[in-house]
Amino acid sequence: MTVDAEGAVLGVAEKTACHSGEGIRHSAYLVMLFDGGGRLMLARRSPHKTLWPGYWDGTVAGHFRPGEDKDASLRRRVLEETGLVCGTPVYLFKFAYVARYEDVGVENEVCEVYSARIAPSGAIPLDPGEVSECRFAGAADLEKEIAAGASDLAPWLVLAVRKRGENGVR
C-alpha cells in the first residue's frame, strides 16, 4: 500500500513499481522474534531474493495486504517464512527510510516494527525461498556488530536496532 510520510494509506501499487527507480513510498513491517532468553532471531535472506539477498534480517519483513488485519498479516508472514507460531505481536515504533540496493532496486518505506516471543524447539522449518538460515543474537552483540560496520545486515534491521536502543527498548 502506498503511504504518506507518516504512514497514512494513499493507495495501492504493484510491488515491482514500489521497488523500481526512485521507489514509491509504501508501508512495510519488521517482526523481531525473541526467544525466552531475550535473543533476537536473525534470518538470512534467501539468495533468491531480488533485494539484499544473503543479508541478515531481523526476523520477518513484509508488506501489509490491502484490507488485511495487521495482526493477521504479521502472524501469517511469521508462519510462512519460519514455520513458527509467535505470541501476540507488540507494536514498538515506525520509521521512514530510503535505501538503494546496488543498481537493482530501492526500498522507500514507512516501516512499522513489532516484537513477539517464540519458543522454538528443534529445527526451525524455514521457507528456503525467503530464508536460508537463522541465528540468535543478544542485543549487545548485535549493537557491537553494527558499531563495527557489519556489511551483511539489511539496512532496515540496522535502523530498527538503533531506534530500539534510542527508545530504551530491550
N, C-alpha and C. Protein backbone atom coordinates (compact mmCIF):
# COMPACT_ATOMS: atom_id res chain seq x y z
N MET A 1 0.84 -1.17 0.00
CA MET A 1 0.00 0.00 0.00
C MET A 1 0.89 1.24 0.00
N THR A 2 0.58 2.18 -0.83
CA THR A 2 1.34 3.42 -0.85
C THR A 2 0.89 4.28 0.33
N VAL A 3 1.86 5.02 0.90
CA VAL A 3 1.57 5.80 2.10
C VAL A 3 2.25 7.17 2.03
N ASP A 4 1.79 8.08 2.91
CA ASP A 4 2.47 9.36 3.03
C ASP A 4 3.63 9.22 4.02
N ALA A 5 4.30 10.32 4.33
CA ALA A 5 5.49 10.27 5.19
C ALA A 5 5.18 9.77 6.60
N GLU A 6 3.93 9.88 7.02
CA GLU A 6 3.54 9.41 8.36
C GLU A 6 3.00 7.98 8.36
N GLY A 7 2.81 7.42 7.16
CA GLY A 7 2.31 6.06 7.07
C GLY A 7 0.83 5.94 6.78
N ALA A 8 0.14 7.07 6.55
CA ALA A 8 -1.28 7.00 6.20
C ALA A 8 -1.44 6.47 4.78
N VAL A 9 -2.36 5.54 4.61
CA VAL A 9 -2.55 4.89 3.31
C VAL A 9 -3.08 5.88 2.28
N LEU A 10 -2.43 5.89 1.12
CA LEU A 10 -2.84 6.74 0.00
C LEU A 10 -3.47 5.92 -1.12
N GLY A 11 -2.98 4.70 -1.31
CA GLY A 11 -3.48 3.88 -2.40
C GLY A 11 -2.76 2.55 -2.46
N VAL A 12 -2.80 1.94 -3.63
CA VAL A 12 -2.19 0.63 -3.83
C VAL A 12 -1.32 0.70 -5.09
N ALA A 13 -0.17 0.05 -5.04
CA ALA A 13 0.72 -0.03 -6.20
C ALA A 13 1.34 -1.42 -6.23
N GLU A 14 1.76 -1.85 -7.39
CA GLU A 14 2.42 -3.14 -7.54
C GLU A 14 3.77 -3.12 -6.82
N LYS A 15 4.15 -4.25 -6.26
CA LYS A 15 5.41 -4.37 -5.53
C LYS A 15 6.60 -3.98 -6.39
N THR A 16 6.62 -4.42 -7.65
CA THR A 16 7.75 -4.09 -8.51
C THR A 16 7.86 -2.58 -8.75
N ALA A 17 6.74 -1.91 -8.89
CA ALA A 17 6.75 -0.45 -9.08
C ALA A 17 7.28 0.25 -7.83
N CYS A 18 6.91 -0.27 -6.67
CA CYS A 18 7.36 0.33 -5.41
C CYS A 18 8.87 0.23 -5.23
N HIS A 19 9.49 -0.79 -5.83
CA HIS A 19 10.91 -1.03 -5.63
C HIS A 19 11.77 -0.67 -6.84
N SER A 20 11.20 0.00 -7.82
CA SER A 20 11.92 0.40 -9.03
C SER A 20 12.20 1.90 -9.03
N GLY A 21 13.20 2.30 -9.82
CA GLY A 21 13.51 3.73 -9.97
C GLY A 21 13.81 4.37 -8.63
N GLU A 22 13.11 5.45 -8.35
CA GLU A 22 13.25 6.12 -7.05
C GLU A 22 12.38 5.48 -5.98
N GLY A 23 11.55 4.54 -6.38
CA GLY A 23 10.66 3.85 -5.46
C GLY A 23 9.42 4.67 -5.16
N ILE A 24 8.37 3.98 -4.80
CA ILE A 24 7.14 4.61 -4.35
C ILE A 24 7.04 4.31 -2.86
N ARG A 25 6.85 5.35 -2.05
CA ARG A 25 6.77 5.12 -0.60
C ARG A 25 5.60 4.19 -0.31
N HIS A 26 5.89 3.15 0.44
CA HIS A 26 4.86 2.18 0.78
C HIS A 26 5.05 1.69 2.21
N SER A 27 4.02 1.02 2.71
CA SER A 27 4.07 0.51 4.08
C SER A 27 4.79 -0.82 4.10
N ALA A 28 5.47 -1.07 5.20
CA ALA A 28 6.17 -2.33 5.41
C ALA A 28 6.21 -2.60 6.91
N TYR A 29 6.65 -3.79 7.25
CA TYR A 29 6.81 -4.10 8.67
C TYR A 29 8.00 -5.02 8.88
N LEU A 30 8.48 -5.00 10.10
CA LEU A 30 9.52 -5.89 10.56
C LEU A 30 9.03 -6.51 11.86
N VAL A 31 9.00 -7.83 11.90
CA VAL A 31 8.65 -8.54 13.13
C VAL A 31 9.94 -9.11 13.69
N MET A 32 10.31 -8.64 14.87
CA MET A 32 11.52 -9.11 15.55
C MET A 32 11.09 -10.17 16.55
N LEU A 33 11.48 -11.41 16.28
CA LEU A 33 11.11 -12.53 17.14
C LEU A 33 12.20 -12.78 18.18
N PHE A 34 11.79 -12.91 19.43
CA PHE A 34 12.72 -13.12 20.54
C PHE A 34 12.42 -14.44 21.23
N ASP A 35 13.50 -15.15 21.57
CA ASP A 35 13.33 -16.40 22.30
C ASP A 35 13.18 -16.11 23.80
N GLY A 36 13.04 -17.15 24.59
CA GLY A 36 12.85 -17.00 26.03
C GLY A 36 14.01 -16.32 26.73
N GLY A 37 15.20 -16.34 26.13
CA GLY A 37 16.37 -15.69 26.70
C GLY A 37 16.53 -14.24 26.24
N GLY A 38 15.56 -13.73 25.47
CA GLY A 38 15.62 -12.36 25.00
C GLY A 38 16.51 -12.15 23.79
N ARG A 39 16.92 -13.24 23.16
CA ARG A 39 17.77 -13.12 21.97
C ARG A 39 16.90 -12.97 20.72
N LEU A 40 17.35 -12.11 19.82
CA LEU A 40 16.65 -11.87 18.57
C LEU A 40 16.99 -12.96 17.56
N MET A 41 15.97 -13.49 16.90
CA MET A 41 16.18 -14.44 15.82
C MET A 41 16.45 -13.65 14.54
N LEU A 42 17.68 -13.78 14.04
CA LEU A 42 18.04 -13.16 12.77
C LEU A 42 17.84 -14.18 11.66
N ALA A 43 17.33 -13.72 10.53
CA ALA A 43 17.08 -14.60 9.39
C ALA A 43 17.90 -14.11 8.20
N ARG A 44 18.70 -15.00 7.64
CA ARG A 44 19.47 -14.63 6.44
C ARG A 44 18.54 -14.74 5.23
N ARG A 45 18.41 -13.61 4.52
CA ARG A 45 17.54 -13.56 3.36
C ARG A 45 18.02 -14.55 2.29
N SER A 46 17.09 -15.21 1.67
CA SER A 46 17.39 -16.19 0.64
C SER A 46 18.26 -15.59 -0.46
N PRO A 47 19.16 -16.39 -1.03
CA PRO A 47 19.95 -15.89 -2.16
C PRO A 47 19.09 -15.63 -3.40
N HIS A 48 17.84 -16.06 -3.36
CA HIS A 48 16.92 -15.86 -4.48
C HIS A 48 16.17 -14.53 -4.40
N LYS A 49 16.32 -13.80 -3.29
CA LYS A 49 15.64 -12.51 -3.13
C LYS A 49 16.25 -11.50 -4.10
N THR A 50 15.44 -10.61 -4.64
CA THR A 50 15.92 -9.59 -5.56
C THR A 50 16.71 -8.52 -4.82
N LEU A 51 16.20 -8.08 -3.68
CA LEU A 51 16.85 -7.03 -2.90
C LEU A 51 17.50 -7.61 -1.64
N TRP A 52 18.74 -7.27 -1.43
CA TRP A 52 19.53 -7.69 -0.28
C TRP A 52 19.54 -9.20 -0.08
N PRO A 53 19.82 -10.00 -1.14
CA PRO A 53 19.95 -11.45 -0.96
C PRO A 53 21.16 -11.76 -0.08
N GLY A 54 20.99 -12.72 0.82
CA GLY A 54 22.09 -13.15 1.68
C GLY A 54 22.35 -12.24 2.87
N TYR A 55 21.63 -11.16 3.00
CA TYR A 55 21.79 -10.27 4.15
C TYR A 55 20.98 -10.79 5.32
N TRP A 56 21.44 -10.46 6.52
CA TRP A 56 20.71 -10.83 7.73
C TRP A 56 19.59 -9.82 7.95
N ASP A 57 18.43 -10.34 8.28
CA ASP A 57 17.23 -9.56 8.55
C ASP A 57 16.78 -9.88 9.96
N GLY A 58 15.87 -9.07 10.46
CA GLY A 58 15.53 -9.32 11.85
C GLY A 58 14.08 -9.49 12.20
N THR A 59 13.42 -10.37 12.08
CA THR A 59 13.38 -11.74 11.66
C THR A 59 12.56 -11.86 10.37
N VAL A 60 11.39 -11.22 10.36
CA VAL A 60 10.49 -11.32 9.21
C VAL A 60 10.13 -9.91 8.75
N ALA A 61 10.37 -9.62 7.50
CA ALA A 61 9.98 -8.34 6.91
C ALA A 61 8.91 -8.60 5.86
N GLY A 62 7.95 -7.71 5.77
CA GLY A 62 6.88 -7.91 4.80
C GLY A 62 6.10 -6.65 4.54
N HIS A 63 5.03 -6.83 3.80
CA HIS A 63 4.14 -5.73 3.44
C HIS A 63 2.71 -6.11 3.81
N PHE A 64 1.97 -5.16 4.33
CA PHE A 64 0.56 -5.39 4.64
C PHE A 64 -0.21 -5.50 3.33
N ARG A 65 -1.19 -6.38 3.30
CA ARG A 65 -2.07 -6.51 2.14
C ARG A 65 -3.28 -5.60 2.34
N PRO A 66 -3.79 -5.01 1.28
CA PRO A 66 -4.98 -4.16 1.41
C PRO A 66 -6.13 -4.92 2.08
N GLY A 67 -6.68 -4.32 3.12
CA GLY A 67 -7.82 -4.90 3.82
C GLY A 67 -7.48 -5.98 4.82
N GLU A 68 -6.22 -6.40 4.89
CA GLU A 68 -5.84 -7.46 5.83
C GLU A 68 -5.58 -6.88 7.20
N ASP A 69 -6.09 -7.54 8.21
CA ASP A 69 -5.83 -7.16 9.59
C ASP A 69 -4.32 -7.21 9.86
N LYS A 70 -3.77 -6.19 10.54
CA LYS A 70 -2.32 -6.14 10.75
C LYS A 70 -1.82 -7.34 11.54
N ASP A 71 -2.51 -7.68 12.61
CA ASP A 71 -2.07 -8.82 13.42
C ASP A 71 -2.07 -10.10 12.58
N ALA A 72 -3.10 -10.28 11.78
CA ALA A 72 -3.18 -11.47 10.93
C ALA A 72 -2.04 -11.48 9.91
N SER A 73 -1.71 -10.31 9.35
CA SER A 73 -0.62 -10.21 8.39
C SER A 73 0.71 -10.60 9.03
N LEU A 74 0.97 -10.06 10.21
CA LEU A 74 2.23 -10.34 10.90
C LEU A 74 2.37 -11.82 11.22
N ARG A 75 1.33 -12.41 11.79
CA ARG A 75 1.36 -13.83 12.15
C ARG A 75 1.47 -14.72 10.90
N ARG A 76 0.78 -14.33 9.83
CA ARG A 76 0.83 -15.09 8.57
C ARG A 76 2.25 -15.16 8.05
N ARG A 77 2.93 -14.01 7.98
CA ARG A 77 4.29 -13.99 7.43
C ARG A 77 5.28 -14.72 8.33
N VAL A 78 5.12 -14.60 9.64
CA VAL A 78 6.00 -15.35 10.56
C VAL A 78 5.85 -16.84 10.29
N LEU A 79 4.63 -17.32 10.19
CA LEU A 79 4.38 -18.74 9.94
C LEU A 79 4.91 -19.15 8.57
N GLU A 80 4.65 -18.33 7.53
CA GLU A 80 5.09 -18.67 6.18
C GLU A 80 6.61 -18.75 6.07
N GLU A 81 7.31 -17.79 6.67
CA GLU A 81 8.76 -17.72 6.50
C GLU A 81 9.53 -18.63 7.44
N THR A 82 9.02 -18.80 8.67
CA THR A 82 9.79 -19.55 9.67
C THR A 82 9.11 -20.84 10.13
N GLY A 83 7.85 -21.01 9.82
CA GLY A 83 7.11 -22.16 10.30
C GLY A 83 6.79 -22.08 11.78
N LEU A 84 7.04 -20.93 12.40
CA LEU A 84 6.81 -20.75 13.83
C LEU A 84 5.51 -20.01 14.11
N VAL A 85 4.90 -20.34 15.22
CA VAL A 85 3.74 -19.60 15.73
C VAL A 85 4.28 -18.67 16.80
N CYS A 86 4.01 -17.39 16.66
CA CYS A 86 4.54 -16.42 17.62
C CYS A 86 3.45 -15.96 18.59
N GLY A 87 3.90 -15.38 19.69
CA GLY A 87 2.99 -14.74 20.62
C GLY A 87 2.40 -13.50 19.96
N THR A 88 1.57 -12.78 20.68
CA THR A 88 0.94 -11.57 20.16
C THR A 88 1.99 -10.54 19.80
N PRO A 89 2.03 -10.10 18.54
CA PRO A 89 2.99 -9.06 18.15
C PRO A 89 2.67 -7.74 18.86
N VAL A 90 3.72 -7.10 19.37
CA VAL A 90 3.58 -5.83 20.09
C VAL A 90 4.21 -4.73 19.24
N TYR A 91 3.43 -3.68 18.94
CA TYR A 91 3.94 -2.56 18.16
C TYR A 91 4.97 -1.81 18.99
N LEU A 92 6.14 -1.51 18.38
CA LEU A 92 7.19 -0.76 19.06
C LEU A 92 7.30 0.67 18.56
N PHE A 93 7.45 0.85 17.25
CA PHE A 93 7.63 2.18 16.66
C PHE A 93 7.62 2.04 15.15
N LYS A 94 7.71 3.16 14.46
CA LYS A 94 7.85 3.13 13.00
C LYS A 94 8.89 4.17 12.58
N PHE A 95 9.43 3.98 11.39
CA PHE A 95 10.39 4.93 10.84
C PHE A 95 10.30 4.90 9.32
N ALA A 96 10.64 6.02 8.72
CA ALA A 96 10.67 6.11 7.26
C ALA A 96 12.13 6.07 6.81
N TYR A 97 12.37 5.44 5.68
CA TYR A 97 13.74 5.37 5.16
C TYR A 97 13.71 5.09 3.66
N VAL A 98 14.81 5.40 3.02
CA VAL A 98 15.03 5.05 1.62
C VAL A 98 16.41 4.41 1.56
N ALA A 99 16.50 3.24 0.93
CA ALA A 99 17.78 2.54 0.79
C ALA A 99 17.82 1.90 -0.60
N ARG A 100 18.90 2.15 -1.30
CA ARG A 100 19.08 1.60 -2.64
C ARG A 100 19.98 0.37 -2.57
N TYR A 101 19.59 -0.69 -3.28
CA TYR A 101 20.41 -1.90 -3.37
C TYR A 101 21.06 -1.94 -4.74
N GLU A 102 22.36 -1.66 -4.75
CA GLU A 102 23.15 -1.65 -5.98
C GLU A 102 22.36 -0.93 -7.07
N ASP A 103 22.32 -1.48 -8.29
CA ASP A 103 21.52 -0.87 -9.35
C ASP A 103 20.26 -1.69 -9.62
N VAL A 104 19.87 -2.51 -8.62
CA VAL A 104 18.77 -3.44 -8.78
C VAL A 104 17.43 -2.85 -8.37
N GLY A 105 17.40 -2.13 -7.26
CA GLY A 105 16.13 -1.62 -6.76
C GLY A 105 16.29 -0.79 -5.51
N VAL A 106 15.17 -0.40 -4.95
CA VAL A 106 15.17 0.53 -3.82
C VAL A 106 14.05 0.18 -2.85
N GLU A 107 14.30 0.47 -1.59
CA GLU A 107 13.26 0.43 -0.56
C GLU A 107 12.94 1.88 -0.23
N ASN A 108 11.68 2.24 -0.29
CA ASN A 108 11.20 3.57 0.09
C ASN A 108 9.98 3.29 0.96
N GLU A 109 10.23 3.14 2.25
CA GLU A 109 9.20 2.58 3.13
C GLU A 109 8.98 3.39 4.41
N VAL A 110 7.77 3.24 4.92
CA VAL A 110 7.48 3.57 6.30
C VAL A 110 7.32 2.20 6.96
N CYS A 111 8.28 1.87 7.80
CA CYS A 111 8.39 0.52 8.37
C CYS A 111 7.89 0.52 9.81
N GLU A 112 6.87 -0.28 10.08
CA GLU A 112 6.37 -0.48 11.44
C GLU A 112 7.14 -1.66 12.03
N VAL A 113 7.61 -1.50 13.26
CA VAL A 113 8.40 -2.54 13.91
C VAL A 113 7.60 -3.14 15.06
N TYR A 114 7.59 -4.45 15.11
CA TYR A 114 6.87 -5.21 16.13
C TYR A 114 7.83 -6.20 16.77
N SER A 115 7.52 -6.59 18.00
CA SER A 115 8.26 -7.67 18.63
C SER A 115 7.27 -8.75 19.03
N ALA A 116 7.75 -9.98 19.08
CA ALA A 116 6.92 -11.10 19.51
C ALA A 116 7.83 -12.17 20.09
N ARG A 117 7.25 -13.02 20.91
CA ARG A 117 8.00 -14.10 21.54
C ARG A 117 7.77 -15.41 20.79
N ILE A 118 8.80 -16.23 20.79
CA ILE A 118 8.70 -17.57 20.23
C ILE A 118 9.35 -18.54 21.21
N ALA A 119 8.98 -19.77 21.09
CA ALA A 119 9.59 -20.83 21.90
C ALA A 119 9.96 -21.98 20.97
N PRO A 120 11.01 -21.76 20.16
CA PRO A 120 11.37 -22.81 19.20
C PRO A 120 11.88 -24.06 19.90
N SER A 121 11.49 -25.18 19.37
CA SER A 121 12.01 -26.46 19.89
C SER A 121 12.39 -27.30 18.68
N GLY A 122 13.64 -27.61 18.61
CA GLY A 122 14.13 -28.38 17.47
C GLY A 122 14.42 -27.50 16.28
N ALA A 123 14.50 -28.12 15.12
CA ALA A 123 14.82 -27.41 13.88
C ALA A 123 13.70 -26.45 13.51
N ILE A 124 14.05 -25.31 12.98
CA ILE A 124 13.07 -24.31 12.55
C ILE A 124 12.86 -24.52 11.05
N PRO A 125 11.61 -24.82 10.63
CA PRO A 125 11.33 -25.15 9.23
C PRO A 125 11.24 -23.90 8.34
N LEU A 126 12.39 -23.35 7.97
CA LEU A 126 12.45 -22.13 7.19
C LEU A 126 11.98 -22.34 5.75
N ASP A 127 11.33 -21.32 5.19
CA ASP A 127 10.96 -21.34 3.78
C ASP A 127 12.20 -20.94 2.98
N PRO A 128 12.82 -21.84 2.21
CA PRO A 128 14.07 -21.53 1.52
C PRO A 128 13.93 -20.43 0.46
N GLY A 129 12.73 -20.13 0.02
CA GLY A 129 12.53 -19.03 -0.91
C GLY A 129 12.62 -17.68 -0.23
N GLU A 130 12.54 -17.69 1.10
CA GLU A 130 12.58 -16.46 1.89
C GLU A 130 13.81 -16.37 2.77
N VAL A 131 14.15 -17.49 3.42
CA VAL A 131 15.21 -17.51 4.44
C VAL A 131 16.11 -18.71 4.23
N SER A 132 17.43 -18.48 4.22
CA SER A 132 18.35 -19.59 4.01
C SER A 132 18.87 -20.18 5.33
N GLU A 133 18.91 -19.38 6.38
CA GLU A 133 19.36 -19.86 7.69
C GLU A 133 18.95 -18.84 8.75
N CYS A 134 19.09 -19.23 10.01
CA CYS A 134 18.80 -18.29 11.09
C CYS A 134 19.84 -18.46 12.19
N ARG A 135 19.92 -17.43 13.01
CA ARG A 135 20.79 -17.45 14.19
C ARG A 135 20.17 -16.53 15.23
N PHE A 136 20.61 -16.68 16.47
CA PHE A 136 20.09 -15.85 17.54
C PHE A 136 21.21 -14.95 18.07
N ALA A 137 20.85 -13.70 18.40
CA ALA A 137 21.84 -12.74 18.90
C ALA A 137 21.23 -11.91 20.01
N GLY A 138 22.03 -11.66 21.04
CA GLY A 138 21.64 -10.76 22.09
C GLY A 138 21.75 -9.32 21.61
N ALA A 139 21.04 -8.41 22.26
CA ALA A 139 21.02 -7.00 21.85
C ALA A 139 22.42 -6.40 21.85
N ALA A 140 23.20 -6.64 22.89
CA ALA A 140 24.55 -6.05 22.98
C ALA A 140 25.45 -6.56 21.85
N ASP A 141 25.36 -7.85 21.55
CA ASP A 141 26.18 -8.42 20.47
C ASP A 141 25.80 -7.82 19.13
N LEU A 142 24.51 -7.67 18.88
CA LEU A 142 24.06 -7.11 17.60
C LEU A 142 24.46 -5.64 17.49
N GLU A 143 24.36 -4.90 18.58
CA GLU A 143 24.78 -3.49 18.58
C GLU A 143 26.28 -3.38 18.30
N LYS A 144 27.08 -4.31 18.83
CA LYS A 144 28.52 -4.33 18.55
C LYS A 144 28.79 -4.61 17.08
N GLU A 145 28.04 -5.55 16.49
CA GLU A 145 28.20 -5.84 15.06
C GLU A 145 27.94 -4.59 14.23
N ILE A 146 26.88 -3.88 14.58
CA ILE A 146 26.51 -2.67 13.84
C ILE A 146 27.59 -1.60 14.01
N ALA A 147 28.04 -1.41 15.24
CA ALA A 147 29.08 -0.40 15.50
C ALA A 147 30.37 -0.72 14.77
N ALA A 148 30.65 -2.01 14.57
CA ALA A 148 31.86 -2.43 13.86
C ALA A 148 31.71 -2.33 12.34
N GLY A 149 30.52 -1.93 11.89
CA GLY A 149 30.30 -1.74 10.46
C GLY A 149 29.93 -2.99 9.70
N ALA A 150 29.26 -3.92 10.36
CA ALA A 150 28.85 -5.16 9.68
C ALA A 150 28.16 -4.81 8.37
N SER A 151 28.63 -5.39 7.28
CA SER A 151 28.10 -5.05 5.96
C SER A 151 27.08 -6.06 5.45
N ASP A 152 26.75 -7.07 6.28
CA ASP A 152 25.81 -8.08 5.83
C ASP A 152 24.47 -8.02 6.56
N LEU A 153 24.14 -6.83 7.09
CA LEU A 153 22.87 -6.63 7.77
C LEU A 153 21.97 -5.76 6.90
N ALA A 154 20.72 -6.15 6.74
CA ALA A 154 19.76 -5.37 5.96
C ALA A 154 19.63 -3.97 6.56
N PRO A 155 19.54 -2.95 5.73
CA PRO A 155 19.52 -1.58 6.25
C PRO A 155 18.37 -1.30 7.22
N TRP A 156 17.20 -1.89 6.99
CA TRP A 156 16.08 -1.66 7.89
C TRP A 156 16.31 -2.33 9.23
N LEU A 157 17.07 -3.43 9.26
CA LEU A 157 17.41 -4.06 10.54
C LEU A 157 18.31 -3.13 11.34
N VAL A 158 19.32 -2.56 10.69
CA VAL A 158 20.24 -1.65 11.38
C VAL A 158 19.46 -0.45 11.94
N LEU A 159 18.59 0.13 11.15
CA LEU A 159 17.79 1.27 11.61
C LEU A 159 16.89 0.88 12.78
N ALA A 160 16.27 -0.29 12.70
CA ALA A 160 15.38 -0.73 13.77
C ALA A 160 16.14 -0.98 15.07
N VAL A 161 17.31 -1.59 14.98
CA VAL A 161 18.10 -1.86 16.19
C VAL A 161 18.54 -0.54 16.82
N ARG A 162 18.99 0.40 16.01
CA ARG A 162 19.39 1.71 16.54
C ARG A 162 18.21 2.42 17.19
N LYS A 163 17.08 2.45 16.53
CA LYS A 163 15.90 3.13 17.07
C LYS A 163 15.41 2.43 18.34
N ARG A 164 15.49 1.13 18.36
CA ARG A 164 15.09 0.37 19.55
C ARG A 164 15.97 0.77 20.73
N GLY A 165 17.27 0.90 20.49
CA GLY A 165 18.19 1.32 21.55
C GLY A 165 17.94 2.75 21.99
N GLU A 166 17.66 3.65 21.03
CA GLU A 166 17.34 5.04 21.36
C GLU A 166 16.10 5.14 22.23
N ASN A 167 15.15 4.24 22.00
CA ASN A 167 13.89 4.24 22.77
C ASN A 167 14.03 3.47 24.08
N GLY A 168 15.21 2.92 24.33
CA GLY A 168 15.43 2.18 25.57
C GLY A 168 14.70 0.84 25.61
N VAL A 169 14.31 0.32 24.43
CA VAL A 169 13.63 -0.96 24.38
C VAL A 169 14.67 -2.07 24.33
N ARG A 170 14.56 -3.05 25.17
CA ARG A 170 15.49 -4.18 25.18
C ARG A 170 14.74 -5.46 25.00
